[in-house]
Amino acid sequence: NAHRMLQLVNQLLDFQKLQAGKKKIRMMRVNLVDFIVNCVDYFKSACEGKGIDFKVDVLDQPLAQAVRNNITLTIRGEPDALEKITFNYLSNALKFTRHGGSITLSLNRYETDGSVTDGDILEKVKISVADSGPGISAEDQDSLFDVFSQIESPEYTNQGTGLGLALTRELTERMGGNVGVSSKVGQGSVFWAEFPIMTGEAEDIDIAILSDAVNGVQLM
């Protein structure tokens, strides 16, 4: 339909501009706890409509408690890019999780390995989306973040364009992060993106050439 075609065109434009270095990514300090608060409302109602249990955890505690405890997990990134990454993972989980299943959005912190040269980045934070969907074979996981990748399984009959996860990886890596997936067939999946936590002051910077960026959230 027209909406899906628009999604495909926008994702393709975003991806091509990133590859060509013509899309601006405005790096700034982002508190991921506040960011997640602003993201969850839509998916909460969508999950309720589908009979899916949707939870949001921050450092192993419910989001509301984390907000009351004034927990902050600050990274340097672009809010629009982070929104695309998170919405892509959540929309895919929603698409492939059946009625009565569960989806959990989590923020977790852990220490980095090795020495840190600038003294500013001490730990990493991982945004992860776990679902109780059909799971993904090891063979499909190997190419899942490649352009136009498709899962070879009858459980995945309503796949998207194959651009969403490729765009997710590109955006994450441009912000100094990494992506990945952990899954077993019949046991659900966990998709994640991790970023360095910022503990000191950092200036806003542009890390790509300014161009006419495509606005809006792109879902797979």
C-alpha atoms as a PDB file:
ATOM      1  CA  ASN A   1       0.000   0.000   0.000  1.00  0.00           C
ATOM      2  CA  ALA A   2       0.976   3.672  -0.170  1.00  0.00           C
ATOM      3  CA  HIS A   3       2.065   3.879   3.499  1.00  0.00           C
ATOM      4  CA  ARG A   4       4.401   0.908   3.190  1.00  0.00           C
ATOM      5  CA  MET A   5       5.847   2.273  -0.048  1.00  0.00           C
ATOM      6  CA  LEU A   6       6.555   5.602   1.687  1.00  0.00           C
ATOM      7  CA  GLN A   7       8.328   3.750   4.503  1.00  0.00           C
ATOM      8  CA  LEU A   8      10.471   1.900   1.967  1.00  0.00           C
ATOM      9  CA  VAL A   9      11.408   5.090   0.111  1.00  0.00           C
ATOM     10  CA  ASN A  10      12.235   6.974   3.322  1.00  0.00           C
ATOM     11  CA  GLN A  11      14.351   4.141   4.714  1.00  0.00           C
ATOM     12  CA  LEU A  12      16.201   3.799   1.416  1.00  0.00           C
ATOM     13  CA  LEU A  13      16.889   7.548   1.292  1.00  0.00           C
ATOM     14  CA  ASP A  14      18.101   7.561   4.891  1.00  0.00           C
ATOM     15  CA  PHE A  15      20.385   4.601   4.275  1.00  0.00           C
ATOM     16  CA  GLN A  16      21.815   5.994   1.033  1.00  0.00           C
ATOM     17  CA  LYS A  17      22.536   9.382   2.635  1.00  0.00           C
ATOM     18  CA  LEU A  18      24.329   7.735   5.535  1.00  0.00           C
ATOM     19  CA  GLN A  19      26.386   5.601   3.171  1.00  0.00           C
ATOM     20  CA  ALA A  20      27.294   8.673   1.086  1.00  0.00           C
ATOM     21  CA  GLY A  21      28.079  10.822   4.136  1.00  0.00           C
ATOM     22  CA  LYS A  22      25.337  13.306   3.233  1.00  0.00           C
ATOM     23  CA  LYS A  23      23.022  12.885   6.238  1.00  0.00           C
ATOM     24  CA  LYS A  24      23.570  15.043   9.304  1.00  0.00           C
ATOM     25  CA  ILE A  25      23.701  13.356  12.675  1.00  0.00           C
ATOM     26  CA  ARG A  26      23.619  15.922  15.463  1.00  0.00           C
ATOM     27  CA  MET A  27      25.379  14.451  18.483  1.00  0.00           C
ATOM     28  CA  MET A  28      24.207  15.756  21.861  1.00  0.00           C
ATOM     29  CA  ARG A  29      23.789  14.570  25.433  1.00  0.00           C
ATOM     30  CA  VAL A  30      20.722  12.340  25.780  1.00  0.00           C
ATOM     31  CA  ASN A  31      19.400  10.870  29.025  1.00  0.00           C
ATOM     32  CA  LEU A  32      18.089   7.512  27.850  1.00  0.00           C
ATOM     33  CA  VAL A  33      15.698   7.201  30.799  1.00  0.00           C
ATOM     34  CA  ASP A  34      13.872  10.385  29.777  1.00  0.00           C
ATOM     35  CA  PHE A  35      14.100   9.290  26.143  1.00  0.00           C
ATOM     36  CA  ILE A  36      12.439   5.932  26.886  1.00  0.00           C
ATOM     37  CA  VAL A  37       9.648   7.635  28.852  1.00  0.00           C
ATOM     38  CA  ASN A  38       8.763   9.575  25.709  1.00  0.00           C
ATOM     39  CA  CYS A  39       8.838   6.455  23.510  1.00  0.00           C
ATOM     40  CA  VAL A  40       6.716   3.932  25.353  1.00  0.00           C
ATOM     41  CA  ASP A  41       3.172   5.313  25.224  1.00  0.00           C
ATOM     42  CA  TYR A  42       2.426   4.298  21.643  1.00  0.00           C
ATOM     43  CA  PHE A  43       3.750   0.766  22.056  1.00  0.00           C
ATOM     44  CA  LYS A  44       2.021   0.318  25.401  1.00  0.00           C
ATOM     45  CA  SER A  45      -1.372   0.923  23.810  1.00  0.00           C
ATOM     46  CA  ALA A  46      -0.495  -1.133  20.726  1.00  0.00           C
ATOM     47  CA  CYS A  47       0.522  -4.091  22.901  1.00  0.00           C
ATOM     48  CA  GLU A  48      -2.640  -3.807  24.974  1.00  0.00           C
ATOM     49  CA  GLY A  49      -4.693  -3.931  21.791  1.00  0.00           C
ATOM     50  CA  LYS A  50      -2.927  -7.128  20.765  1.00  0.00           C
ATOM     51  CA  GLY A  51      -3.067  -8.762  24.206  1.00  0.00           C
ATOM     52  CA  ILE A  52       0.710  -8.590  24.685  1.00  0.00           C
ATOM     53  CA  ASP A  53       2.346  -7.968  28.071  1.00  0.00           C
ATOM     54  CA  PHE A  54       4.644  -4.944  27.620  1.00  0.00           C
ATOM     55  CA  LYS A  55       7.221  -4.089  30.285  1.00  0.00           C
ATOM     56  CA  VAL A  56       9.925  -1.441  30.527  1.00  0.00           C
ATOM     57  CA  ASP A  57      12.867  -1.953  32.911  1.00  0.00           C
ATOM     58  CA  VAL A  58      15.772   0.304  33.818  1.00  0.00           C
ATOM     59  CA  LEU A  59      18.636  -1.369  35.682  1.00  0.00           C
ATOM     60  CA  ASP A  60      16.299  -4.253  36.623  1.00  0.00           C
ATOM     61  CA  GLN A  61      13.619  -1.997  38.077  1.00  0.00           C
ATOM     62  CA  PRO A  62      10.337  -0.775  36.552  1.00  0.00           C
ATOM     63  CA  LEU A  63      10.569   2.435  34.544  1.00  0.00           C
ATOM     64  CA  ALA A  64       8.299   4.373  36.917  1.00  0.00           C
ATOM     65  CA  GLN A  65      10.534   3.484  39.864  1.00  0.00           C
ATOM     66  CA  ALA A  66      13.658   4.461  37.948  1.00  0.00           C
ATOM     67  CA  VAL A  67      12.115   7.854  37.204  1.00  0.00           C
ATOM     68  CA  ARG A  68      11.203   8.352  40.867  1.00  0.00           C
ATOM     69  CA  ASN A  69      14.771   7.427  41.818  1.00  0.00           C
ATOM     70  CA  ASN A  70      16.132  10.020  39.362  1.00  0.00           C
ATOM     71  CA  ILE A  71      18.265   7.451  37.547  1.00  0.00           C
ATOM     72  CA  THR A  72      20.155   8.886  34.586  1.00  0.00           C
ATOM     73  CA  LEU A  73      21.914   7.001  31.797  1.00  0.00           C
ATOM     74  CA  THR A  74      23.436   9.646  29.558  1.00  0.00           C
ATOM     75  CA  ILE A  75      25.015   9.011  26.170  1.00  0.00           C
ATOM     76  CA  ARG A  76      26.076  11.205  23.300  1.00  0.00           C
ATOM     77  CA  GLY A  77      23.740  10.581  20.397  1.00  0.00           C
ATOM     78  CA  GLU A  78      20.990  11.986  18.203  1.00  0.00           C
ATOM     79  CA  PRO A  79      17.415  11.717  19.542  1.00  0.00           C
ATOM     80  CA  ASP A  80      15.907  11.170  16.079  1.00  0.00           C
ATOM     81  CA  ALA A  81      18.357   8.364  15.297  1.00  0.00           C
ATOM     82  CA  LEU A  82      17.803   6.761  18.721  1.00  0.00           C
ATOM     83  CA  GLU A  83      14.059   6.945  18.121  1.00  0.00           C
ATOM     84  CA  LYS A  84      14.409   5.137  14.799  1.00  0.00           C
ATOM     85  CA  ILE A  85      16.557   2.425  16.387  1.00  0.00           C
ATOM     86  CA  THR A  86      14.203   1.845  19.335  1.00  0.00           C
ATOM     87  CA  PHE A  87      10.995   2.020  17.304  1.00  0.00           C
ATOM     88  CA  ASN A  88      12.411  -0.379  14.715  1.00  0.00           C
ATOM     89  CA  TYR A  89      13.179  -2.998  17.362  1.00  0.00           C
ATOM     90  CA  LEU A  90       9.835  -2.493  19.122  1.00  0.00           C
ATOM     91  CA  SER A  91       7.765  -2.526  15.942  1.00  0.00           C
ATOM     92  CA  ASN A  92       9.411  -5.763  14.792  1.00  0.00           C
ATOM     93  CA  ALA A  93       8.774  -7.366  18.181  1.00  0.00           C
ATOM     94  CA  LEU A  94       5.147  -6.247  18.056  1.00  0.00           C
ATOM     95  CA  LYS A  95       4.744  -7.570  14.535  1.00  0.00           C
ATOM     96  CA  PHE A  96       5.998 -11.089  15.296  1.00  0.00           C
ATOM     97  CA  THR A  97       4.794 -11.618  18.888  1.00  0.00           C
ATOM     98  CA  ARG A  98       1.484 -13.412  19.141  1.00  0.00           C
ATOM     99  CA  HIS A  99      -1.514 -12.638  21.323  1.00  0.00           C
ATOM    100  CA  GLY A 100      -0.709 -13.474  24.942  1.00  0.00           C
ATOM    101  CA  GLY A 101       3.032 -13.056  24.432  1.00  0.00           C
ATOM    102  CA  SER A 102       5.411 -10.564  26.014  1.00  0.00           C
ATOM    103  CA  ILE A 103       7.782  -7.754  25.025  1.00  0.00           C
ATOM    104  CA  THR A 104      10.301  -6.132  27.372  1.00  0.00           C
ATOM    105  CA  LEU A 105      12.240  -2.949  26.679  1.00  0.00           C
ATOM    106  CA  SER A 106      15.278  -2.691  28.946  1.00  0.00           C
ATOM    107  CA  LEU A 107      18.138  -0.333  29.750  1.00  0.00           C
ATOM    108  CA  ASN A 108      21.161  -1.937  31.403  1.00  0.00           C
ATOM    109  CA  ARG A 109      24.598  -0.624  32.332  1.00  0.00           C
ATOM    110  CA  TYR A 110      27.892  -2.482  32.429  1.00  0.00           C
ATOM    111  CA  GLU A 111      31.596  -1.711  32.585  1.00  0.00           C
ATOM    112  CA  THR A 112      33.732  -1.533  29.474  1.00  0.00           C
ATOM    113  CA  ASP A 113      36.730  -3.789  28.937  1.00  0.00           C
ATOM    114  CA  GLY A 114      40.216  -2.367  28.613  1.00  0.00           C
ATOM    115  CA  SER A 115      41.563   1.134  29.177  1.00  0.00           C
ATOM    116  CA  VAL A 116      39.745   4.340  28.338  1.00  0.00           C
ATOM    117  CA  THR A 117      41.881   7.105  26.869  1.00  0.00           C
ATOM    118  CA  ASP A 118      39.736  10.235  27.263  1.00  0.00           C
ATOM    119  CA  GLY A 119      38.622   9.657  30.855  1.00  0.00           C
ATOM    120  CA  ASP A 120      35.020  10.485  29.941  1.00  0.00           C
ATOM    121  CA  ILE A 121      33.574   7.150  28.896  1.00  0.00           C
ATOM    122  CA  LEU A 122      33.581   4.646  31.750  1.00  0.00           C
ATOM    123  CA  GLU A 123      30.711   2.300  31.025  1.00  0.00           C
ATOM    124  CA  LYS A 124      28.243   1.266  28.354  1.00  0.00           C
ATOM    125  CA  VAL A 125      24.470   1.190  28.299  1.00  0.00           C
ATOM    126  CA  LYS A 126      22.504  -1.381  26.352  1.00  0.00           C
ATOM    127  CA  ILE A 127      19.030  -0.777  24.929  1.00  0.00           C
ATOM    128  CA  SER A 128      17.438  -4.177  24.430  1.00  0.00           C
ATOM    129  CA  VAL A 129      14.056  -5.426  23.238  1.00  0.00           C
ATOM    130  CA  ALA A 130      13.154  -8.986  24.213  1.00  0.00           C
ATOM    131  CA  ASP A 131      10.123 -10.767  22.799  1.00  0.00           C
ATOM    132  CA  SER A 132       8.440 -14.151  23.076  1.00  0.00           C
ATOM    133  CA  GLY A 133       8.112 -14.495  19.309  1.00  0.00           C
ATOM    134  CA  PRO A 134       9.088 -17.448  17.095  1.00  0.00           C
ATOM    135  CA  GLY A 135      12.832 -16.913  17.430  1.00  0.00           C
ATOM    136  CA  ILE A 136      15.469 -16.812  14.683  1.00  0.00           C
ATOM    137  CA  SER A 137      17.870 -19.504  13.534  1.00  0.00           C
ATOM    138  CA  ALA A 138      21.627 -19.015  13.867  1.00  0.00           C
ATOM    139  CA  GLU A 139      21.947 -19.010  10.069  1.00  0.00           C
ATOM    140  CA  ASP A 140      19.484 -16.126   9.676  1.00  0.00           C
ATOM    141  CA  GLN A 141      21.064 -14.180  12.531  1.00  0.00           C
ATOM    142  CA  ASP A 142      24.365 -14.009  10.638  1.00  0.00           C
ATOM    143  CA  SER A 143      22.893 -11.756   7.934  1.00  0.00           C
ATOM    144  CA  LEU A 144      20.006 -10.161   9.815  1.00  0.00           C
ATOM    145  CA  PHE A 145      21.452  -6.625   9.760  1.00  0.00           C
ATOM    146  CA  ASP A 146      22.428  -6.784   6.085  1.00  0.00           C
ATOM    147  CA  VAL A 147      20.535  -4.752   3.486  1.00  0.00           C
ATOM    148  CA  PHE A 148      17.367  -6.499   2.207  1.00  0.00           C
ATOM    149  CA  SER A 149      17.927  -9.453   4.532  1.00  0.00           C
ATOM    150  CA  GLN A 150      14.923 -11.754   4.958  1.00  0.00           C
ATOM    151  CA  ILE A 151      14.314 -14.584   7.443  1.00  0.00           C
ATOM    152  CA  GLU A 152      13.765 -17.981   5.830  1.00  0.00           C
ATOM    153  CA  SER A 153      10.930 -19.266   8.011  1.00  0.00           C
ATOM    154  CA  PRO A 154       7.155 -19.749   7.583  1.00  0.00           C
ATOM    155  CA  GLU A 155       6.751 -17.965  10.940  1.00  0.00           C
ATOM    156  CA  TYR A 156       7.857 -14.715   9.293  1.00  0.00           C
ATOM    157  CA  THR A 157       5.245 -14.193   6.590  1.00  0.00           C
ATOM    158  CA  ASN A 158       4.809 -10.445   7.143  1.00  0.00           C
ATOM    159  CA  GLN A 159       8.384  -9.236   6.863  1.00  0.00           C
ATOM    160  CA  GLY A 160       9.232  -5.655   6.010  1.00  0.00           C
ATOM    161  CA  THR A 161      11.552  -4.174   3.448  1.00  0.00           C
ATOM    162  CA  GLY A 162      14.770  -5.621   4.815  1.00  0.00           C
ATOM    163  CA  LEU A 163      16.120  -2.083   5.276  1.00  0.00           C
ATOM    164  CA  GLY A 164      15.043  -1.338   8.846  1.00  0.00           C
ATOM    165  CA  LEU A 165      17.707  -3.366  10.645  1.00  0.00           C
ATOM    166  CA  ALA A 166      20.414  -2.301   8.195  1.00  0.00           C
ATOM    167  CA  LEU A 167      19.520   1.327   8.903  1.00  0.00           C
ATOM    168  CA  THR A 168      19.497   0.563  12.641  1.00  0.00           C
ATOM    169  CA  ARG A 169      23.034  -0.793  12.470  1.00  0.00           C
ATOM    170  CA  GLU A 170      24.271   2.122  10.372  1.00  0.00           C
ATOM    171  CA  LEU A 171      22.785   4.738  12.714  1.00  0.00           C
ATOM    172  CA  THR A 172      24.100   2.963  15.805  1.00  0.00           C
ATOM    173  CA  GLU A 173      27.619   2.627  14.452  1.00  0.00           C
ATOM    174  CA  ARG A 174      27.669   6.284  13.370  1.00  0.00           C
ATOM    175  CA  MET A 175      26.986   7.167  17.017  1.00  0.00           C
ATOM    176  CA  GLY A 176      29.841   4.976  18.254  1.00  0.00           C
ATOM    177  CA  GLY A 177      27.696   1.993  19.225  1.00  0.00           C
ATOM    178  CA  ASN A 178      27.114  -1.630  18.272  1.00  0.00           C
ATOM    179  CA  VAL A 179      24.069  -3.786  17.543  1.00  0.00           C
ATOM    180  CA  GLY A 180      23.325  -7.473  17.938  1.00  0.00           C
ATOM    181  CA  VAL A 181      20.744 -10.162  18.447  1.00  0.00           C
ATOM    182  CA  SER A 182      20.429 -13.241  20.643  1.00  0.00           C
ATOM    183  CA  SER A 183      17.781 -15.780  19.689  1.00  0.00           C
ATOM    184  CA  LYS A 184      16.786 -19.419  19.523  1.00  0.00           C
ATOM    185  CA  VAL A 185      14.034 -20.874  17.395  1.00  0.00           C
ATOM    186  CA  GLY A 186      10.884 -21.235  19.486  1.00  0.00           C
ATOM    187  CA  GLN A 187      12.322 -19.212  22.390  1.00  0.00           C
ATOM    188  CA  GLY A 188      11.982 -15.595  21.303  1.00  0.00           C
ATOM    189  CA  SER A 189      14.620 -12.975  20.482  1.00  0.00           C
ATOM    190  CA  VAL A 190      16.564 -10.142  22.094  1.00  0.00           C
ATOM    191  CA  PHE A 191      17.696  -7.283  19.860  1.00  0.00           C
ATOM    192  CA  TRP A 192      20.065  -4.728  21.332  1.00  0.00           C
ATOM    193  CA  ALA A 193      22.072  -1.579  20.689  1.00  0.00           C
ATOM    194  CA  GLU A 194      24.827  -0.460  23.044  1.00  0.00           C
ATOM    195  CA  PHE A 195      26.468   2.935  23.494  1.00  0.00           C
ATOM    196  CA  PRO A 196      29.201   4.442  25.694  1.00  0.00           C
ATOM    197  CA  ILE A 197      27.860   6.235  28.778  1.00  0.00           C
ATOM    198  CA  MET A 198      28.982   9.844  29.121  1.00  0.00           C
ATOM    199  CA  THR A 199      29.948  10.961  32.626  1.00  0.00           C
ATOM    200  CA  GLY A 200      31.618  14.317  31.893  1.00  0.00           C
ATOM    201  CA  GLU A 201      30.722  17.366  29.860  1.00  0.00           C
ATOM    202  CA  ALA A 202      30.652  16.982  26.084  1.00  0.00           C
ATOM    203  CA  GLU A 203      30.040  19.461  23.301  1.00  0.00           C
ATOM    204  CA  ASP A 204      27.387  18.915  20.654  1.00  0.00           C
ATOM    205  CA  ILE A 205      29.012  17.916  17.368  1.00  0.00           C
ATOM    206  CA  ASP A 206      28.014  17.086  13.797  1.00  0.00           C
ATOM    207  CA  ILE A 207      29.553  13.855  12.564  1.00  0.00           C
ATOM    208  CA  ALA A 208      28.285  13.913   8.989  1.00  0.00           C
ATOM    209  CA  ILE A 209      27.790  16.420   6.182  1.00  0.00           C
ATOM    210  CA  LEU A 210      24.657  18.573   6.423  1.00  0.00           C
ATOM    211  CA  SER A 211      22.014  17.620   3.870  1.00  0.00           C
ATOM    212  CA  ASP A 212      18.239  17.565   3.536  1.00  0.00           C
ATOM    213  CA  ALA A 213      17.636  14.758   6.027  1.00  0.00           C
ATOM    214  CA  VAL A 214      14.415  12.760   5.870  1.00  0.00           C
ATOM    215  CA  ASN A 215      12.390  13.398   9.014  1.00  0.00           C
ATOM    216  CA  GLY A 216      10.064  11.080  10.885  1.00  0.00           C
ATOM    217  CA  VAL A 217      10.242   7.660  12.484  1.00  0.00           C
ATOM    218  CA  GLN A 218      10.940   4.864  10.023  1.00  0.00           C
ATOM    219  CA  LEU A 219       9.613   1.446  10.970  1.00  0.00           C
ATOM    220  CA  MET A 220      10.668  -1.787   9.347  1.00  0.00           C
END
